[in-house]
Amino acid sequence: GSFKGQGFLYGQPSDALSVREMLAGQNLLCVPNPPVDPEAPALPTP
């Protein structure tokens, strides 16, 4: 049937920097909104 899959066939687990470089090469990075401090007052998004 149809599955999602994961395993060493698709590569060894990588750290955050290696994943980021790989995604950048595939145009799979985006510009996110900044993190929100739940205790801070609401401010315009920088």
PDB file of all heavy atoms in Angstrom:
ATOM      1  N   GLY A   1       0.811  -1.210   0.000  1.00  0.00           N
ATOM      2  CA  GLY A   1       0.000   0.000   0.000  1.00  0.00           C
ATOM      3  C   GLY A   1       0.841   1.255   0.000  1.00  0.00           C
ATOM      4  O   GLY A   1       2.055   1.239  -0.272  1.00  0.00           O
ATOM      5  N   SER A   2       0.187   2.368   0.322  1.00  0.00           N
ATOM      6  CA  SER A   2       0.835   3.679   0.334  1.00  0.00           C
ATOM      7  C   SER A   2       1.245   4.022   1.763  1.00  0.00           C
ATOM      8  O   SER A   2       0.418   3.949   2.689  1.00  0.00           O
ATOM      9  CB  SER A   2      -0.113   4.752  -0.212  1.00  0.00           C
ATOM     10  OG  SER A   2      -0.447   4.472  -1.564  1.00  0.00           O
ATOM     11  N   PHE A   3       2.493   4.413   1.911  1.00  0.00           N
ATOM     12  CA  PHE A   3       3.024   4.717   3.238  1.00  0.00           C
ATOM     13  C   PHE A   3       3.871   5.984   3.194  1.00  0.00           C
ATOM     14  O   PHE A   3       4.356   6.381   2.126  1.00  0.00           O
ATOM     15  CB  PHE A   3       3.927   3.582   3.747  1.00  0.00           C
ATOM     16  CG  PHE A   3       3.273   2.245   3.839  1.00  0.00           C
ATOM     17  CD1 PHE A   3       3.344   1.347   2.776  1.00  0.00           C
ATOM     18  CD2 PHE A   3       2.592   1.865   4.980  1.00  0.00           C
ATOM     19  CE1 PHE A   3       2.758   0.103   2.857  1.00  0.00           C
ATOM     20  CE2 PHE A   3       1.999   0.616   5.067  1.00  0.00           C
ATOM     21  CZ  PHE A   3       2.083  -0.262   4.009  1.00  0.00           C
ATOM     22  N   LYS A   4       4.051   6.552   4.347  1.00  0.00           N
ATOM     23  CA  LYS A   4       5.210   7.389   4.579  1.00  0.00           C
ATOM     24  C   LYS A   4       6.317   6.467   5.073  1.00  0.00           C
ATOM     25  O   LYS A   4       6.045   5.410   5.655  1.00  0.00           O
ATOM     26  CB  LYS A   4       4.932   8.448   5.650  1.00  0.00           C
ATOM     27  CG  LYS A   4       4.307   9.725   5.163  1.00  0.00           C
ATOM     28  CD  LYS A   4       4.286  10.743   6.288  1.00  0.00           C
ATOM     29  CE  LYS A   4       3.630  12.042   5.852  1.00  0.00           C
ATOM     30  NZ  LYS A   4       3.646  13.043   6.961  1.00  0.00           N
ATOM     31  N   GLY A   5       7.552   6.869   4.861  1.00  0.00           N
ATOM     32  CA  GLY A   5       8.650   6.027   5.297  1.00  0.00           C
ATOM     33  C   GLY A   5       9.819   6.831   5.807  1.00  0.00           C
ATOM     34  O   GLY A   5       9.980   8.015   5.487  1.00  0.00           O
ATOM     35  N   GLN A   6      10.639   6.184   6.610  1.00  0.00           N
ATOM     36  CA  GLN A   6      11.864   6.794   7.093  1.00  0.00           C
ATOM     37  C   GLN A   6      12.864   5.680   7.384  1.00  0.00           C
ATOM     38  O   GLN A   6      12.486   4.548   7.666  1.00  0.00           O
ATOM     39  CB  GLN A   6      11.612   7.638   8.347  1.00  0.00           C
ATOM     40  CG  GLN A   6      11.033   6.877   9.531  1.00  0.00           C
ATOM     41  CD  GLN A   6      10.659   7.793  10.686  1.00  0.00           C
ATOM     42  OE1 GLN A   6       9.543   8.309  10.732  1.00  0.00           O
ATOM     43  NE2 GLN A   6      11.594   7.980  11.612  1.00  0.00           N
ATOM     44  N   GLY A   7      14.132   6.023   7.283  1.00  0.00           N
ATOM     45  CA  GLY A   7      15.175   5.034   7.505  1.00  0.00           C
ATOM     46  C   GLY A   7      16.479   5.470   6.870  1.00  0.00           C
ATOM     47  O   GLY A   7      16.551   6.507   6.189  1.00  0.00           O
ATOM     48  N   PHE A   8      17.500   4.656   7.052  1.00  0.00           N
ATOM     49  CA  PHE A   8      18.830   5.024   6.597  1.00  0.00           C
ATOM     50  C   PHE A   8      18.949   5.057   5.076  1.00  0.00           C
ATOM     51  O   PHE A   8      19.915   5.601   4.536  1.00  0.00           O
ATOM     52  CB  PHE A   8      19.864   4.059   7.173  1.00  0.00           C
ATOM     53  CG  PHE A   8      19.977   4.127   8.676  1.00  0.00           C
ATOM     54  CD1 PHE A   8      20.534   3.082   9.395  1.00  0.00           C
ATOM     55  CD2 PHE A   8      19.528   5.231   9.371  1.00  0.00           C
ATOM     56  CE1 PHE A   8      20.641   3.140  10.778  1.00  0.00           C
ATOM     57  CE2 PHE A   8      19.618   5.312  10.745  1.00  0.00           C
ATOM     58  CZ  PHE A   8      20.176   4.260  11.452  1.00  0.00           C
ATOM     59  N   LEU A   9      17.984   4.457   4.379  1.00  0.00           N
ATOM     60  CA  LEU A   9      18.002   4.542   2.917  1.00  0.00           C
ATOM     61  C   LEU A   9      17.953   5.994   2.462  1.00  0.00           C
ATOM     62  O   LEU A   9      18.495   6.346   1.405  1.00  0.00           O
ATOM     63  CB  LEU A   9      16.813   3.764   2.346  1.00  0.00           C
ATOM     64  CG  LEU A   9      16.655   3.784   0.821  1.00  0.00           C
ATOM     65  CD1 LEU A   9      17.857   3.129   0.146  1.00  0.00           C
ATOM     66  CD2 LEU A   9      15.367   3.089   0.401  1.00  0.00           C
ATOM     67  N   TYR A  10      17.322   6.851   3.237  1.00  0.00           N
ATOM     68  CA  TYR A  10      17.171   8.263   2.883  1.00  0.00           C
ATOM     69  C   TYR A  10      18.201   9.146   3.577  1.00  0.00           C
ATOM     70  O   TYR A  10      18.106  10.377   3.510  1.00  0.00           O
ATOM     71  CB  TYR A  10      15.759   8.734   3.235  1.00  0.00           C
ATOM     72  CG  TYR A  10      14.696   7.901   2.561  1.00  0.00           C
ATOM     73  CD1 TYR A  10      13.974   6.960   3.287  1.00  0.00           C
ATOM     74  CD2 TYR A  10      14.433   8.040   1.199  1.00  0.00           C
ATOM     75  CE1 TYR A  10      13.003   6.178   2.663  1.00  0.00           C
ATOM     76  CE2 TYR A  10      13.461   7.264   0.577  1.00  0.00           C
ATOM     77  CZ  TYR A  10      12.759   6.333   1.317  1.00  0.00           C
ATOM     78  OH  TYR A  10      11.828   5.563   0.689  1.00  0.00           O
ATOM     79  N   GLY A  11      19.163   8.535   4.229  1.00  0.00           N
ATOM     80  CA  GLY A  11      20.213   9.310   4.876  1.00  0.00           C
ATOM     81  C   GLY A  11      20.210   9.147   6.383  1.00  0.00           C
ATOM     82  O   GLY A  11      19.186   8.812   6.994  1.00  0.00           O
ATOM     83  N   GLN A  12      21.377   9.368   6.968  1.00  0.00           N
ATOM     84  CA  GLN A  12      21.513   9.311   8.420  1.00  0.00           C
ATOM     85  C   GLN A  12      20.877  10.552   9.059  1.00  0.00           C
ATOM     86  O   GLN A  12      20.779  11.607   8.411  1.00  0.00           O
ATOM     87  CB  GLN A  12      22.998   9.252   8.799  1.00  0.00           C
ATOM     88  CG  GLN A  12      23.717   7.999   8.323  1.00  0.00           C
ATOM     89  CD  GLN A  12      23.345   6.786   9.141  1.00  0.00           C
ATOM     90  OE1 GLN A  12      22.917   6.898  10.275  1.00  0.00           O
ATOM     91  NE2 GLN A  12      23.501   5.604   8.545  1.00  0.00           N
ATOM     92  N   PRO A  13      20.431  10.439  10.314  1.00  0.00           N
ATOM     93  CA  PRO A  13      19.933  11.637  11.008  1.00  0.00           C
ATOM     94  C   PRO A  13      21.005  12.730  11.035  1.00  0.00           C
ATOM     95  O   PRO A  13      22.195  12.439  11.207  1.00  0.00           O
ATOM     96  CB  PRO A  13      19.621  11.120  12.421  1.00  0.00           C
ATOM     97  CG  PRO A  13      19.373   9.662  12.242  1.00  0.00           C
ATOM     98  CD  PRO A  13      20.293   9.227  11.146  1.00  0.00           C
ATOM     99  N   SER A  14      20.581  13.976  10.865  1.00  0.00           N
ATOM    100  CA  SER A  14      21.505  15.108  10.754  1.00  0.00           C
ATOM    101  C   SER A  14      21.193  16.163  11.788  1.00  0.00           C
ATOM    102  O   SER A  14      20.057  16.252  12.284  1.00  0.00           O
ATOM    103  CB  SER A  14      21.429  15.727   9.351  1.00  0.00           C
ATOM    104  OG  SER A  14      21.662  14.745   8.358  1.00  0.00           O
ATOM    105  N   ASP A  15      22.184  16.988  12.091  1.00  0.00           N
ATOM    106  CA  ASP A  15      21.970  18.075  13.043  1.00  0.00           C
ATOM    107  C   ASP A  15      21.225  19.220  12.364  1.00  0.00           C
ATOM    108  O   ASP A  15      20.968  19.207  11.156  1.00  0.00           O
ATOM    109  CB  ASP A  15      23.291  18.540  13.644  1.00  0.00           C
ATOM    110  CG  ASP A  15      24.269  19.057  12.601  1.00  0.00           C
ATOM    111  OD1 ASP A  15      23.835  19.410  11.481  1.00  0.00           O
ATOM    112  OD2 ASP A  15      25.483  19.119  12.900  1.00  0.00           O
ATOM    113  N   ALA A  16      20.895  20.235  13.155  1.00  0.00           N
ATOM    114  CA  ALA A  16      20.042  21.320  12.659  1.00  0.00           C
ATOM    115  C   ALA A  16      20.697  22.079  11.520  1.00  0.00           C
ATOM    116  O   ALA A  16      20.042  22.445  10.531  1.00  0.00           O
ATOM    117  CB  ALA A  16      19.702  22.264  13.814  1.00  0.00           C
ATOM    118  N   LEU A  17      21.999  22.328  11.609  1.00  0.00           N
ATOM    119  CA  LEU A  17      22.683  23.100  10.579  1.00  0.00           C
ATOM    120  C   LEU A  17      22.703  22.343   9.247  1.00  0.00           C
ATOM    121  O   LEU A  17      22.445  22.940   8.182  1.00  0.00           O
ATOM    122  CB  LEU A  17      24.118  23.414  11.027  1.00  0.00           C
ATOM    123  CG  LEU A  17      24.965  24.232  10.060  1.00  0.00           C
ATOM    124  CD1 LEU A  17      24.296  25.575   9.772  1.00  0.00           C
ATOM    125  CD2 LEU A  17      26.378  24.434  10.604  1.00  0.00           C
ATOM    126  N   SER A  18      22.969  21.041   9.291  1.00  0.00           N
ATOM    127  CA  SER A  18      22.997  20.246   8.063  1.00  0.00           C
ATOM    128  C   SER A  18      21.616  20.201   7.414  1.00  0.00           C
ATOM    129  O   SER A  18      21.482  20.297   6.186  1.00  0.00           O
ATOM    130  CB  SER A  18      23.478  18.828   8.367  1.00  0.00           C
ATOM    131  OG  SER A  18      24.794  18.834   8.899  1.00  0.00           O
ATOM    132  N   VAL A  19      20.578  20.070   8.235  1.00  0.00           N
ATOM    133  CA  VAL A  19      19.213  20.061   7.705  1.00  0.00           C
ATOM    134  C   VAL A  19      18.882  21.403   7.075  1.00  0.00           C
ATOM    135  O   VAL A  19      18.270  21.467   5.986  1.00  0.00           O
ATOM    136  CB  VAL A  19      18.210  19.715   8.822  1.00  0.00           C
ATOM    137  CG1 VAL A  19      16.774  19.961   8.359  1.00  0.00           C
ATOM    138  CG2 VAL A  19      18.369  18.260   9.253  1.00  0.00           C
ATOM    139  N   ARG A  20      19.300  22.446   7.718  1.00  0.00           N
ATOM    140  CA  ARG A  20      19.009  23.792   7.192  1.00  0.00           C
ATOM    141  C   ARG A  20      19.683  23.998   5.838  1.00  0.00           C
ATOM    142  O   ARG A  20      19.083  24.548   4.903  1.00  0.00           O
ATOM    143  CB  ARG A  20      19.469  24.843   8.187  1.00  0.00           C
ATOM    144  CG  ARG A  20      19.086  26.276   7.803  1.00  0.00           C
ATOM    145  CD  ARG A  20      19.520  27.262   8.871  1.00  0.00           C
ATOM    146  NE  ARG A  20      19.129  28.612   8.494  1.00  0.00           N
ATOM    147  CZ  ARG A  20      17.941  29.145   8.767  1.00  0.00           C
ATOM    148  NH1 ARG A  20      17.048  28.438   9.419  1.00  0.00           N
ATOM    149  NH2 ARG A  20      17.666  30.380   8.398  1.00  0.00           N
ATOM    150  N   GLU A  21      20.926  23.551   5.707  1.00  0.00           N
ATOM    151  CA  GLU A  21      21.645  23.694   4.438  1.00  0.00           C
ATOM    152  C   GLU A  21      20.963  22.870   3.347  1.00  0.00           C
ATOM    153  O   GLU A  21      20.848  23.317   2.190  1.00  0.00           O
ATOM    154  CB  GLU A  21      23.095  23.262   4.616  1.00  0.00           C
ATOM    155  CG  GLU A  21      23.906  24.207   5.508  1.00  0.00           C
ATOM    156  CD  GLU A  21      25.304  23.680   5.781  1.00  0.00           C
ATOM    157  OE1 GLU A  21      25.576  22.509   5.449  1.00  0.00           O
ATOM    158  OE2 GLU A  21      26.122  24.432   6.349  1.00  0.00           O
ATOM    159  N   MET A  22      20.531  21.662   3.714  1.00  0.00           N
ATOM    160  CA  MET A  22      19.851  20.807   2.738  1.00  0.00           C
ATOM    161  C   MET A  22      18.546  21.435   2.276  1.00  0.00           C
ATOM    162  O   MET A  22      18.232  21.454   1.071  1.00  0.00           O
ATOM    163  CB  MET A  22      19.601  19.432   3.345  1.00  0.00           C
ATOM    164  CG  MET A  22      18.965  18.420   2.401  1.00  0.00           C
ATOM    165  SD  MET A  22      17.151  18.416   2.500  1.00  0.00           S
ATOM    166  CE  MET A  22      16.915  17.809   4.168  1.00  0.00           C
ATOM    167  N   LEU A  23      17.771  21.968   3.211  1.00  0.00           N
ATOM    168  CA  LEU A  23      16.490  22.589   2.852  1.00  0.00           C
ATOM    169  C   LEU A  23      16.694  23.854   2.041  1.00  0.00           C
ATOM    170  O   LEU A  23      15.899  24.153   1.128  1.00  0.00           O
ATOM    171  CB  LEU A  23      15.700  22.894   4.127  1.00  0.00           C
ATOM    172  CG  LEU A  23      15.198  21.686   4.926  1.00  0.00           C
ATOM    173  CD1 LEU A  23      14.479  22.143   6.187  1.00  0.00           C
ATOM    174  CD2 LEU A  23      14.279  20.812   4.075  1.00  0.00           C
ATOM    175  N   ALA A  24      17.735  24.598   2.346  1.00  0.00           N
ATOM    176  CA  ALA A  24      18.017  25.812   1.576  1.00  0.00           C
ATOM    177  C   ALA A  24      18.320  25.458   0.124  1.00  0.00           C
ATOM    178  O   ALA A  24      17.903  26.182  -0.809  1.00  0.00           O
ATOM    179  CB  ALA A  24      19.188  26.562   2.199  1.00  0.00           C
ATOM    180  N   GLY A  25      19.026  24.347  -0.090  1.00  0.00           N
ATOM    181  CA  GLY A  25      19.328  23.929  -1.458  1.00  0.00           C
ATOM    182  C   GLY A  25      18.097  23.492  -2.213  1.00  0.00           C
ATOM    183  O   GLY A  25      18.099  23.469  -3.453  1.00  0.00           O
ATOM    184  N   GLN A  26      17.018  23.116  -1.502  1.00  0.00           N
ATOM    185  CA  GLN A  26      15.773  22.685  -2.155  1.00  0.00           C
ATOM    186  C   GLN A  26      14.687  23.753  -2.078  1.00  0.00           C
ATOM    187  O   GLN A  26      13.528  23.487  -2.375  1.00  0.00           O
ATOM    188  CB  GLN A  26      15.272  21.392  -1.498  1.00  0.00           C
ATOM    189  CG  GLN A  26      16.246  20.242  -1.595  1.00  0.00           C
ATOM    190  CD  GLN A  26      15.709  18.969  -0.944  1.00  0.00           C
ATOM    191  OE1 GLN A  26      14.507  18.825  -0.712  1.00  0.00           O
ATOM    192  NE2 GLN A  26      16.592  18.031  -0.642  1.00  0.00           N
ATOM    193  N   ASN A  27      15.064  24.962  -1.677  1.00  0.00           N
ATOM    194  CA  ASN A  27      14.113  26.077  -1.542  1.00  0.00           C
ATOM    195  C   ASN A  27      12.960  25.720  -0.603  1.00  0.00           C
ATOM    196  O   ASN A  27      11.786  26.018  -0.869  1.00  0.00           O
ATOM    197  CB  ASN A  27      13.551  26.476  -2.910  1.00  0.00           C
ATOM    198  CG  ASN A  27      14.610  27.066  -3.822  1.00  0.00           C
ATOM    199  OD1 ASN A  27      15.485  27.819  -3.363  1.00  0.00           O
ATOM    200  ND2 ASN A  27      14.551  26.730  -5.101  1.00  0.00           N
ATOM    201  N   LEU A  28      13.307  25.041   0.506  1.00  0.00           N
ATOM    202  CA  LEU A  28      12.298  24.657   1.481  1.00  0.00           C
ATOM    203  C   LEU A  28      12.485  25.375   2.807  1.00  0.00           C
ATOM    204  O   LEU A  28      12.099  24.887   3.858  1.00  0.00           O
ATOM    205  CB  LEU A  28      12.337  23.135   1.709  1.00  0.00           C
ATOM    206  CG  LEU A  28      11.851  22.285   0.539  1.00  0.00           C
ATOM    207  CD1 LEU A  28      12.043  20.800   0.839  1.00  0.00           C
ATOM    208  CD2 LEU A  28      10.387  22.580   0.228  1.00  0.00           C
ATOM    209  N   LEU A  29      13.094  26.546   2.767  1.00  0.00           N
ATOM    210  CA  LEU A  29      13.180  27.408   3.943  1.00  0.00           C
ATOM    211  C   LEU A  29      12.276  28.604   3.741  1.00  0.00           C
ATOM    212  O   LEU A  29      12.053  29.060   2.611  1.00  0.00           O
ATOM    213  CB  LEU A  29      14.616  27.887   4.171  1.00  0.00           C
ATOM    214  CG  LEU A  29      15.609  26.880   4.733  1.00  0.00           C
ATOM    215  CD1 LEU A  29      16.967  27.536   4.894  1.00  0.00           C
ATOM    216  CD2 LEU A  29      15.132  26.328   6.067  1.00  0.00           C
ATOM    217  N   CYS A  30      11.756  29.130   4.818  1.00  0.00           N
ATOM    218  CA  CYS A  30      10.881  30.290   4.728  1.00  0.00           C
ATOM    219  C   CYS A  30      11.292  31.284   5.791  1.00  0.00           C
ATOM    220  O   CYS A  30      12.079  30.991   6.692  1.00  0.00           O
ATOM    221  CB  CYS A  30       9.415  29.903   4.900  1.00  0.00           C
ATOM    222  SG  CYS A  30       9.041  29.239   6.535  1.00  0.00           S
ATOM    223  N   VAL A  31      10.739  32.498   5.703  1.00  0.00           N
ATOM    224  CA  VAL A  31      10.997  33.543   6.696  1.00  0.00           C
ATOM    225  C   VAL A  31       9.864  33.503   7.704  1.00  0.00           C
ATOM    226  O   VAL A  31       8.730  33.871   7.394  1.00  0.00           O
ATOM    227  CB  VAL A  31      11.084  34.924   6.042  1.00  0.00           C
ATOM    228  CG1 VAL A  31      11.341  35.984   7.108  1.00  0.00           C
ATOM    229  CG2 VAL A  31      12.180  34.953   4.993  1.00  0.00           C
ATOM    230  N   PRO A  32      10.123  33.022   8.918  1.00  0.00           N
ATOM    231  CA  PRO A  32       9.042  32.875   9.899  1.00  0.00           C
ATOM    232  C   PRO A  32       8.794  34.149  10.666  1.00  0.00           C
ATOM    233  O   PRO A  32       9.557  35.103  10.598  1.00  0.00           O
ATOM    234  CB  PRO A  32       9.618  31.814  10.846  1.00  0.00           C
ATOM    235  CG  PRO A  32      11.096  32.133  10.869  1.00  0.00           C
ATOM    236  CD  PRO A  32      11.431  32.605   9.468  1.00  0.00           C
ATOM    237  N   ASN A  33       7.678  34.163  11.357  1.00  0.00           N
ATOM    238  CA  ASN A  33       7.441  35.209  12.341  1.00  0.00           C
ATOM    239  C   ASN A  33       8.348  34.974  13.536  1.00  0.00           C
ATOM    240  O   ASN A  33       8.704  33.835  13.838  1.00  0.00           O
ATOM    241  CB  ASN A  33       5.983  35.198  12.792  1.00  0.00           C
ATOM    242  CG  ASN A  33       5.058  35.610  11.667  1.00  0.00           C
ATOM    243  OD1 ASN A  33       5.398  36.453  10.842  1.00  0.00           O
ATOM    244  ND2 ASN A  33       3.883  34.979  11.626  1.00  0.00           N
ATOM    245  N   PRO A  34       8.737  36.019  14.240  1.00  0.00           N
ATOM    246  CA  PRO A  34       9.611  35.833  15.393  1.00  0.00           C
ATOM    247  C   PRO A  34       8.879  35.125  16.513  1.00  0.00           C
ATOM    248  O   PRO A  34       7.649  35.126  16.559  1.00  0.00           O
ATOM    249  CB  PRO A  34       9.986  37.266  15.781  1.00  0.00           C
ATOM    250  CG  PRO A  34       8.821  38.085  15.321  1.00  0.00           C
ATOM    251  CD  PRO A  34       8.348  37.419  14.046  1.00  0.00           C
ATOM    252  N   PRO A  35       9.638  34.512  17.426  1.00  0.00           N
ATOM    253  CA  PRO A  35       9.005  33.852  18.571  1.00  0.00           C
ATOM    254  C   PRO A  35       8.290  34.838  19.464  1.00  0.00           C
ATOM    255  O   PRO A  35       8.641  36.014  19.520  1.00  0.00           O
ATOM    256  CB  PRO A  35      10.195  33.195  19.300  1.00  0.00           C
ATOM    257  CG  PRO A  35      11.381  33.987  18.872  1.00  0.00           C
ATOM    258  CD  PRO A  35      11.113  34.424  17.479  1.00  0.00           C
ATOM    259  N   VAL A  36       7.254  34.365  20.121  1.00  0.00           N
ATOM    260  CA  VAL A  36       6.424  35.206  20.964  1.00  0.00           C
ATOM    261  C   VAL A  36       6.649  34.848  22.427  1.00  0.00           C
ATOM    262  O   VAL A  36       6.634  33.667  22.787  1.00  0.00           O
ATOM    263  CB  VAL A  36       4.925  35.044  20.606  1.00  0.00           C
ATOM    264  CG1 VAL A  36       4.057  35.842  21.564  1.00  0.00           C
ATOM    265  CG2 VAL A  36       4.701  35.485  19.180  1.00  0.00           C
ATOM    266  N   ASP A  37       6.875  35.861  23.260  1.00  0.00           N
ATOM    267  CA  ASP A  37       6.942  35.658  24.696  1.00  0.00           C
ATOM    268  C   ASP A  37       5.529  35.768  25.243  1.00  0.00           C
ATOM    269  O   ASP A  37       4.929  36.836  25.172  1.00  0.00           O
ATOM    270  CB  ASP A  37       7.850  36.716  25.337  1.00  0.00           C
ATOM    271  CG  ASP A  37       8.014  36.490  26.849  1.00  0.00           C
ATOM    272  OD1 ASP A  37       7.326  35.599  27.384  1.00  0.00           O
ATOM    273  OD2 ASP A  37       8.815  37.209  27.475  1.00  0.00           O
ATOM    274  N   PRO A  38       4.965  34.672  25.773  1.00  0.00           N
ATOM    275  CA  PRO A  38       3.554  34.714  26.211  1.00  0.00           C
ATOM    276  C   PRO A  38       3.310  35.677  27.356  1.00  0.00           C
ATOM    277  O   PRO A  38       2.191  36.078  27.594  1.00  0.00           O
ATOM    278  CB  PRO A  38       3.288  33.259  26.634  1.00  0.00           C
ATOM    279  CG  PRO A  38       4.629  32.686  26.941  1.00  0.00           C
ATOM    280  CD  PRO A  38       5.596  33.369  26.013  1.00  0.00           C
ATOM    281  N   GLU A  39       4.360  36.066  28.076  1.00  0.00           N
ATOM    282  CA  GLU A  39       4.190  36.971  29.206  1.00  0.00           C
ATOM    283  C   GLU A  39       4.433  38.428  28.834  1.00  0.00           C
ATOM    284  O   GLU A  39       4.237  39.325  29.647  1.00  0.00           O
ATOM    285  CB  GLU A  39       5.144  36.555  30.336  1.00  0.00           C
ATOM    286  CG  GLU A  39       4.880  35.145  30.846  1.00  0.00           C
ATOM    287  CD  GLU A  39       5.828  34.775  31.978  1.00  0.00           C
ATOM    288  OE1 GLU A  39       6.707  35.604  32.308  1.00  0.00           O
ATOM    289  OE2 GLU A  39       5.682  33.657  32.521  1.00  0.00           O
ATOM    290  N   ALA A  40       4.908  38.664  27.613  1.00  0.00           N
ATOM    291  CA  ALA A  40       5.208  40.033  27.196  1.00  0.00           C
ATOM    292  C   ALA A  40       3.952  40.685  26.623  1.00  0.00           C
ATOM    293  O   ALA A  40       3.072  40.012  26.090  1.00  0.00           O
ATOM    294  CB  ALA A  40       6.312  40.030  26.150  1.00  0.00           C
ATOM    295  N   PRO A  41       3.841  42.019  26.727  1.00  0.00           N
ATOM    296  CA  PRO A  41       2.682  42.713  26.130  1.00  0.00           C
ATOM    297  C   PRO A  41       2.732  42.623  24.611  1.00  0.00           C
ATOM    298  O   PRO A  41       3.792  42.444  24.006  1.00  0.00           O
ATOM    299  CB  PRO A  41       2.850  44.153  26.628  1.00  0.00           C
ATOM    300  CG  PRO A  41       4.316  44.285  26.912  1.00  0.00           C
ATOM    301  CD  PRO A  41       4.761  42.944  27.396  1.00  0.00           C
ATOM    302  N   ALA A  42       1.569  42.726  23.999  1.00  0.00           N
ATOM    303  CA  ALA A  42       1.484  42.624  22.547  1.00  0.00           C
ATOM    304  C   ALA A  42       2.203  43.791  21.896  1.00  0.00           C
ATOM    305  O   ALA A  42       2.034  44.953  22.280  1.00  0.00           O
ATOM    306  CB  ALA A  42       0.009  42.607  22.111  1.00  0.00           C
ATOM    307  N   LEU A  43       3.054  43.496  20.914  1.00  0.00           N
ATOM    308  CA  LEU A  43       3.813  44.513  20.191  1.00  0.00           C
ATOM    309  C   LEU A  43       3.670  44.274  18.699  1.00  0.00           C
ATOM    310  O   LEU A  43       3.399  43.147  18.265  1.00  0.00           O
ATOM    311  CB  LEU A  43       5.303  44.452  20.579  1.00  0.00           C
ATOM    312  CG  LEU A  43       5.656  44.809  22.032  1.00  0.00           C
ATOM    313  CD1 LEU A  43       7.131  44.547  22.275  1.00  0.00           C
ATOM    314  CD2 LEU A  43       5.316  46.257  22.322  1.00  0.00           C
ATOM    315  N   PRO A  44       3.889  45.291  17.885  1.00  0.00           N
ATOM    316  CA  PRO A  44       3.881  45.076  16.434  1.00  0.00           C
ATOM    317  C   PRO A  44       4.952  44.070  16.052  1.00  0.00           C
ATOM    318  O   PRO A  44       6.032  44.044  16.645  1.00  0.00           O
ATOM    319  CB  PRO A  44       4.181  46.475  15.862  1.00  0.00           C
ATOM    320  CG  PRO A  44       3.817  47.430  16.954  1.00  0.00           C
ATOM    321  CD  PRO A  44       4.093  46.710  18.236  1.00  0.00           C
ATOM    322  N   THR A  45       4.662  43.238  15.070  1.00  0.00           N
ATOM    323  CA  THR A  45       5.611  42.207  14.646  1.00  0.00           C
ATOM    324  C   THR A  45       6.816  42.865  13.993  1.00  0.00           C
ATOM    325  O   THR A  45       6.680  43.582  12.998  1.00  0.00           O
ATOM    326  CB  THR A  45       4.948  41.252  13.648  1.00  0.00           C
ATOM    327  OG1 THR A  45       3.812  40.667  14.267  1.00  0.00           O
ATOM    328  CG2 THR A  45       5.932  40.152  13.233  1.00  0.00           C
ATOM    329  N   PRO A  46       8.039  42.642  14.531  1.00  0.00           N
ATOM    330  CA  PRO A  46       9.234  43.249  13.927  1.00  0.00           C
ATOM    331  C   PRO A  46       9.603  42.531  12.644  1.00  0.00           C
ATOM    332  O   PRO A  46       9.210  41.404  12.394  1.00  0.00           O
ATOM    333  CB  PRO A  46      10.308  43.037  14.991  1.00  0.00           C
ATOM    334  CG  PRO A  46       9.860  41.820  15.725  1.00  0.00           C
ATOM    335  CD  PRO A  46       8.364  41.867  15.725  1.00  0.00           C
TER     336      PRO A  46
END
